Amino acid sequence: MSKLLFKMYGVPDDEIEDVRELCEVNNFAIYETEVGRWGIGLAAIWLSDETQYESAKAILDEYQQARYQNAQQDRLKMQSLSFTQGLYVKYKQDPEKFSMSLLGLAAILAISLYPFMNL
């Protein structure tokens, strides 16, 4: 009988890909389900062979612990950045979005201050 291994609801795509690769590398027989047209299903990765569940769960728990530690290290690194370094990191992640945000901020500031410029 099948056993639920990993729920995919709200999970980043890169994590889902990593879980698929882990299952493939360790030769776990899996299949996936989706939420479906009406959104009432369960998007998940299921283990076909229930006897492999304990080893698969142990490997998955180890992976998730390592992912959590990496995320914590990244968070601490971002907190240690100064304001301008943080802005530079945001710019490098998505320059177009960053530029449009600055342009929007400048437009709102200009519209807000325009009535006071004529005094």
N, C-alpha and C. Protein backbone atom coordinates (compact mmCIF):
# COMPACT_ATOMS: atom_id res chain seq x y z
N MET A 1 0.83 -1.18 0.00
CA MET A 1 0.00 0.00 0.00
C MET A 1 0.88 1.24 0.00
N SER A 2 0.42 2.30 -0.63
CA SER A 2 1.18 3.54 -0.74
C SER A 2 1.19 4.29 0.59
N LYS A 3 2.25 5.09 0.75
CA LYS A 3 2.41 5.87 1.98
C LYS A 3 2.82 7.28 1.59
N LEU A 4 2.19 8.27 2.23
CA LEU A 4 2.50 9.67 1.97
C LEU A 4 3.91 10.00 2.45
N LEU A 5 4.71 10.55 1.56
CA LEU A 5 6.09 10.88 1.90
C LEU A 5 6.30 12.38 2.05
N PHE A 6 5.72 13.19 1.14
CA PHE A 6 6.04 14.62 1.12
C PHE A 6 4.89 15.40 0.53
N LYS A 7 4.34 16.33 1.29
CA LYS A 7 3.29 17.22 0.77
C LYS A 7 3.94 18.38 0.05
N MET A 8 3.41 18.73 -1.13
CA MET A 8 4.01 19.77 -1.96
C MET A 8 3.29 21.11 -1.88
N TYR A 9 2.28 21.24 -1.04
CA TYR A 9 1.54 22.49 -0.95
C TYR A 9 2.39 23.57 -0.29
N GLY A 10 2.61 24.67 -0.99
CA GLY A 10 3.37 25.80 -0.45
C GLY A 10 4.87 25.58 -0.40
N VAL A 11 5.37 24.59 -1.09
CA VAL A 11 6.79 24.26 -1.06
C VAL A 11 7.45 24.84 -2.31
N PRO A 12 8.64 25.46 -2.16
CA PRO A 12 9.33 26.00 -3.33
C PRO A 12 9.67 24.91 -4.35
N ASP A 13 9.72 25.30 -5.61
CA ASP A 13 9.99 24.34 -6.68
C ASP A 13 11.35 23.67 -6.54
N ASP A 14 12.36 24.41 -6.09
CA ASP A 14 13.68 23.82 -5.96
C ASP A 14 13.70 22.72 -4.89
N GLU A 15 12.93 22.87 -3.84
CA GLU A 15 12.87 21.83 -2.81
C GLU A 15 12.16 20.58 -3.36
N ILE A 16 11.11 20.77 -4.13
CA ILE A 16 10.41 19.64 -4.73
C ILE A 16 11.35 18.87 -5.67
N GLU A 17 12.12 19.61 -6.46
CA GLU A 17 13.08 18.96 -7.36
C GLU A 17 14.14 18.19 -6.58
N ASP A 18 14.60 18.77 -5.48
CA ASP A 18 15.59 18.07 -4.65
C ASP A 18 15.02 16.79 -4.07
N VAL A 19 13.77 16.81 -3.64
CA VAL A 19 13.14 15.61 -3.08
C VAL A 19 13.00 14.54 -4.18
N ARG A 20 12.62 14.96 -5.37
CA ARG A 20 12.52 14.00 -6.48
C ARG A 20 13.88 13.36 -6.76
N GLU A 21 14.94 14.19 -6.77
CA GLU A 21 16.28 13.67 -7.03
C GLU A 21 16.72 12.70 -5.93
N LEU A 22 16.43 13.05 -4.67
CA LEU A 22 16.77 12.16 -3.56
C LEU A 22 16.10 10.80 -3.73
N CYS A 23 14.84 10.82 -4.11
CA CYS A 23 14.11 9.56 -4.30
C CYS A 23 14.68 8.76 -5.47
N GLU A 24 15.07 9.46 -6.52
CA GLU A 24 15.62 8.78 -7.68
C GLU A 24 16.99 8.17 -7.37
N VAL A 25 17.83 8.95 -6.67
CA VAL A 25 19.17 8.47 -6.34
C VAL A 25 19.10 7.25 -5.42
N ASN A 26 18.15 7.24 -4.49
CA ASN A 26 18.03 6.15 -3.53
C ASN A 26 17.10 5.04 -4.00
N ASN A 27 16.66 5.10 -5.25
CA ASN A 27 15.82 4.07 -5.86
C ASN A 27 14.53 3.81 -5.10
N PHE A 28 13.86 4.87 -4.69
CA PHE A 28 12.55 4.75 -4.07
C PHE A 28 11.49 4.82 -5.16
N ALA A 29 10.55 3.91 -5.13
CA ALA A 29 9.46 3.91 -6.10
C ALA A 29 8.42 4.93 -5.63
N ILE A 30 8.30 6.04 -6.38
CA ILE A 30 7.38 7.11 -5.99
C ILE A 30 6.43 7.44 -7.12
N TYR A 31 5.37 8.11 -6.76
CA TYR A 31 4.50 8.74 -7.75
C TYR A 31 3.95 10.01 -7.13
N GLU A 32 3.45 10.91 -7.99
CA GLU A 32 2.99 12.21 -7.52
C GLU A 32 1.50 12.37 -7.81
N THR A 33 0.85 13.12 -6.94
CA THR A 33 -0.53 13.51 -7.16
C THR A 33 -0.61 15.02 -7.16
N GLU A 34 -1.63 15.56 -7.81
CA GLU A 34 -1.82 17.00 -7.89
C GLU A 34 -3.15 17.37 -7.26
N VAL A 35 -3.35 18.68 -7.06
CA VAL A 35 -4.59 19.13 -6.43
C VAL A 35 -5.79 18.96 -7.35
N GLY A 36 -5.57 18.91 -8.64
CA GLY A 36 -6.65 18.69 -9.58
C GLY A 36 -7.36 19.98 -9.97
N ARG A 37 -8.32 19.83 -10.84
CA ARG A 37 -9.05 20.97 -11.40
C ARG A 37 -9.81 21.75 -10.33
N TRP A 38 -10.43 21.06 -9.39
CA TRP A 38 -11.28 21.72 -8.39
C TRP A 38 -10.52 22.10 -7.13
N GLY A 39 -9.26 21.74 -7.06
CA GLY A 39 -8.45 22.11 -5.91
C GLY A 39 -8.76 21.34 -4.64
N ILE A 40 -9.32 20.15 -4.77
CA ILE A 40 -9.68 19.39 -3.59
C ILE A 40 -8.76 18.19 -3.36
N GLY A 41 -7.81 17.98 -4.26
CA GLY A 41 -6.88 16.87 -4.11
C GLY A 41 -5.70 17.26 -3.24
N LEU A 42 -4.73 16.40 -3.15
CA LEU A 42 -3.54 16.61 -2.35
C LEU A 42 -2.31 16.53 -3.25
N ALA A 43 -1.61 17.65 -3.38
CA ALA A 43 -0.37 17.65 -4.14
C ALA A 43 0.71 17.05 -3.25
N ALA A 44 1.19 15.87 -3.62
CA ALA A 44 2.13 15.17 -2.75
C ALA A 44 2.96 14.18 -3.54
N ILE A 45 4.03 13.74 -2.89
CA ILE A 45 4.85 12.65 -3.40
C ILE A 45 4.56 11.45 -2.50
N TRP A 46 4.19 10.35 -3.12
CA TRP A 46 3.81 9.14 -2.41
C TRP A 46 4.86 8.07 -2.65
N LEU A 47 5.09 7.28 -1.65
CA LEU A 47 6.01 6.15 -1.74
C LEU A 47 5.19 4.90 -2.07
N SER A 48 5.51 4.25 -3.18
CA SER A 48 4.73 3.08 -3.62
C SER A 48 4.94 1.87 -2.71
N ASP A 49 6.17 1.68 -2.25
CA ASP A 49 6.50 0.53 -1.42
C ASP A 49 6.58 0.96 0.03
N GLU A 50 5.64 0.52 0.83
CA GLU A 50 5.56 0.93 2.23
C GLU A 50 6.75 0.44 3.05
N THR A 51 7.43 -0.59 2.61
CA THR A 51 8.57 -1.12 3.36
C THR A 51 9.78 -0.17 3.30
N GLN A 52 9.81 0.71 2.32
CA GLN A 52 10.91 1.67 2.18
C GLN A 52 10.66 2.96 2.95
N TYR A 53 9.52 3.05 3.63
CA TYR A 53 9.12 4.32 4.24
C TYR A 53 10.11 4.82 5.29
N GLU A 54 10.56 3.96 6.18
CA GLU A 54 11.45 4.38 7.27
C GLU A 54 12.76 4.95 6.72
N SER A 55 13.37 4.28 5.76
CA SER A 55 14.63 4.78 5.20
C SER A 55 14.40 6.05 4.39
N ALA A 56 13.30 6.11 3.65
CA ALA A 56 13.00 7.31 2.87
C ALA A 56 12.74 8.50 3.79
N LYS A 57 11.99 8.29 4.86
CA LYS A 57 11.69 9.36 5.80
C LYS A 57 12.96 9.86 6.49
N ALA A 58 13.88 8.94 6.83
CA ALA A 58 15.14 9.32 7.47
C ALA A 58 15.98 10.18 6.53
N ILE A 59 16.05 9.79 5.26
CA ILE A 59 16.81 10.57 4.28
C ILE A 59 16.17 11.93 4.06
N LEU A 60 14.86 11.96 3.98
CA LEU A 60 14.14 13.22 3.78
C LEU A 60 14.29 14.15 4.99
N ASP A 61 14.24 13.60 6.19
CA ASP A 61 14.43 14.41 7.39
C ASP A 61 15.84 15.00 7.45
N GLU A 62 16.82 14.20 7.06
CA GLU A 62 18.21 14.69 7.02
C GLU A 62 18.36 15.82 6.02
N TYR A 63 17.75 15.67 4.84
CA TYR A 63 17.80 16.72 3.82
C TYR A 63 17.13 18.00 4.32
N GLN A 64 15.97 17.87 4.94
CA GLN A 64 15.25 19.05 5.41
C GLN A 64 16.00 19.75 6.54
N GLN A 65 16.67 19.00 7.38
CA GLN A 65 17.47 19.61 8.44
C GLN A 65 18.64 20.39 7.84
N ALA A 66 19.30 19.84 6.83
CA ALA A 66 20.39 20.54 6.16
C ALA A 66 19.87 21.79 5.46
N ARG A 67 18.72 21.70 4.83
CA ARG A 67 18.13 22.86 4.16
C ARG A 67 17.78 23.95 5.17
N TYR A 68 17.26 23.55 6.32
CA TYR A 68 16.92 24.51 7.37
C TYR A 68 18.18 25.23 7.87
N GLN A 69 19.25 24.49 8.09
CA GLN A 69 20.49 25.10 8.56
C GLN A 69 21.06 26.06 7.53
N ASN A 70 20.98 25.71 6.24
CA ASN A 70 21.45 26.62 5.19
C ASN A 70 20.61 27.90 5.15
N ALA A 71 19.31 27.77 5.34
CA ALA A 71 18.44 28.94 5.34
C ALA A 71 18.75 29.84 6.53
N GLN A 72 19.03 29.24 7.68
CA GLN A 72 19.39 30.04 8.86
C GLN A 72 20.71 30.77 8.65
N GLN A 73 21.67 30.12 8.03
CA GLN A 73 22.95 30.77 7.74
C GLN A 73 22.77 31.93 6.77
N ASP A 74 21.94 31.73 5.75
CA ASP A 74 21.67 32.80 4.79
C ASP A 74 20.98 33.98 5.48
N ARG A 75 20.04 33.67 6.38
CA ARG A 75 19.33 34.72 7.11
C ARG A 75 20.28 35.53 7.98
N LEU A 76 21.19 34.84 8.67
CA LEU A 76 22.16 35.54 9.51
C LEU A 76 23.11 36.38 8.67
N LYS A 77 23.48 35.88 7.50
CA LYS A 77 24.34 36.64 6.61
C LYS A 77 23.64 37.91 6.12
N MET A 78 22.36 37.79 5.79
CA MET A 78 21.60 38.97 5.34
C MET A 78 21.43 39.98 6.47
N GLN A 79 21.26 39.52 7.69
CA GLN A 79 21.11 40.43 8.82
C GLN A 79 22.40 41.17 9.12
N SER A 80 23.53 40.57 8.80
CA SER A 80 24.81 41.22 9.08
C SER A 80 25.17 42.29 8.06
N LEU A 81 24.45 42.35 6.95
CA LEU A 81 24.73 43.35 5.93
C LEU A 81 24.28 44.74 6.39
N SER A 82 25.01 45.75 5.94
CA SER A 82 24.58 47.11 6.21
C SER A 82 23.41 47.46 5.29
N PHE A 83 22.82 48.62 5.48
CA PHE A 83 21.67 49.05 4.69
C PHE A 83 22.00 49.10 3.20
N THR A 84 23.11 49.73 2.85
CA THR A 84 23.48 49.86 1.43
C THR A 84 23.86 48.51 0.84
N GLN A 85 24.52 47.65 1.61
CA GLN A 85 24.85 46.32 1.10
C GLN A 85 23.57 45.52 0.85
N GLY A 86 22.59 45.69 1.73
CA GLY A 86 21.31 45.01 1.55
C GLY A 86 20.59 45.48 0.31
N LEU A 87 20.65 46.80 0.05
CA LEU A 87 20.04 47.34 -1.17
C LEU A 87 20.74 46.78 -2.40
N TYR A 88 22.05 46.66 -2.34
CA TYR A 88 22.79 46.10 -3.47
C TYR A 88 22.39 44.65 -3.73
N VAL A 89 22.23 43.88 -2.67
CA VAL A 89 21.82 42.48 -2.81
C VAL A 89 20.43 42.41 -3.45
N LYS A 90 19.50 43.26 -2.99
CA LYS A 90 18.16 43.30 -3.57
C LYS A 90 18.22 43.69 -5.05
N TYR A 91 19.08 44.64 -5.38
CA TYR A 91 19.23 45.06 -6.78
C TYR A 91 19.74 43.90 -7.63
N LYS A 92 20.72 43.17 -7.13
CA LYS A 92 21.30 42.07 -7.90
C LYS A 92 20.31 40.91 -8.08
N GLN A 93 19.38 40.72 -7.12
CA GLN A 93 18.41 39.64 -7.23
C GLN A 93 17.42 39.91 -8.35
N ASP A 94 16.92 41.15 -8.44
CA ASP A 94 15.93 41.48 -9.47
C ASP A 94 16.05 42.98 -9.80
N PRO A 95 16.97 43.33 -10.73
CA PRO A 95 17.21 44.75 -11.02
C PRO A 95 15.98 45.48 -11.56
N GLU A 96 15.18 44.80 -12.36
CA GLU A 96 14.01 45.46 -12.94
C GLU A 96 12.98 45.82 -11.87
N LYS A 97 12.69 44.89 -11.00
CA LYS A 97 11.73 45.14 -9.92
C LYS A 97 12.25 46.23 -8.99
N PHE A 98 13.54 46.20 -8.68
CA PHE A 98 14.13 47.19 -7.80
C PHE A 98 14.04 48.58 -8.43
N SER A 99 14.35 48.70 -9.71
CA SER A 99 14.29 49.99 -10.40
C SER A 99 12.86 50.51 -10.47
N MET A 100 11.92 49.64 -10.76
CA MET A 100 10.52 50.07 -10.82
C MET A 100 10.02 50.51 -9.44
N SER A 101 10.47 49.87 -8.40
CA SER A 101 10.09 50.27 -7.05
C SER A 101 10.63 51.65 -6.72
N LEU A 102 11.87 51.90 -7.09
CA LEU A 102 12.45 53.23 -6.86
C LEU A 102 11.74 54.29 -7.68
N LEU A 103 11.39 53.97 -8.91
CA LEU A 103 10.67 54.91 -9.76
C LEU A 103 9.29 55.21 -9.18
N GLY A 104 8.60 54.20 -8.72
CA GLY A 104 7.29 54.39 -8.09
C GLY A 104 7.39 55.23 -6.83
N LEU A 105 8.40 54.97 -6.02
CA LEU A 105 8.62 55.75 -4.80
C LEU A 105 8.89 57.21 -5.13
N ALA A 106 9.70 57.47 -6.15
CA ALA A 106 9.99 58.84 -6.56
C ALA A 106 8.73 59.54 -7.08
N ALA A 107 7.89 58.82 -7.83
CA ALA A 107 6.66 59.40 -8.35
C ALA A 107 5.70 59.77 -7.22
N ILE A 108 5.54 58.89 -6.24
CA ILE A 108 4.66 59.17 -5.10
C ILE A 108 5.19 60.36 -4.30
N LEU A 109 6.49 60.40 -4.11
CA LEU A 109 7.10 61.51 -3.38
C LEU A 109 6.91 62.83 -4.13
N ALA A 110 7.08 62.81 -5.44
CA ALA A 110 6.90 64.03 -6.24
C ALA A 110 5.46 64.50 -6.21
N ILE A 111 4.50 63.60 -6.34
CA ILE A 111 3.09 63.97 -6.30
C ILE A 111 2.71 64.50 -4.92
N SER A 112 3.26 63.92 -3.90
CA SER A 112 2.94 64.35 -2.53
C SER A 112 3.52 65.73 -2.21
N LEU A 113 4.69 66.03 -2.73
CA LEU A 113 5.35 67.29 -2.41
C LEU A 113 5.04 68.42 -3.38
N TYR A 114 4.43 68.12 -4.50
CA TYR A 114 4.16 69.15 -5.52
C TYR A 114 3.32 70.31 -4.98
N PRO A 115 2.26 70.10 -4.22
CA PRO A 115 1.47 71.24 -3.73
C PRO A 115 2.26 72.19 -2.84
N PHE A 116 3.27 71.68 -2.15
CA PHE A 116 4.05 72.50 -1.25
C PHE A 116 5.17 73.27 -1.96
N MET A 117 5.47 72.90 -3.18
CA MET A 117 6.54 73.56 -3.93
C MET A 117 6.09 74.93 -4.44
N ASN A 118 4.79 75.16 -4.57
CA ASN A 118 4.28 76.43 -5.12
C ASN A 118 4.07 77.50 -4.05
N LEU A 119 4.34 77.19 -2.80
CA LEU A 119 4.11 78.17 -1.74
C LEU A 119 5.10 79.26 -1.73
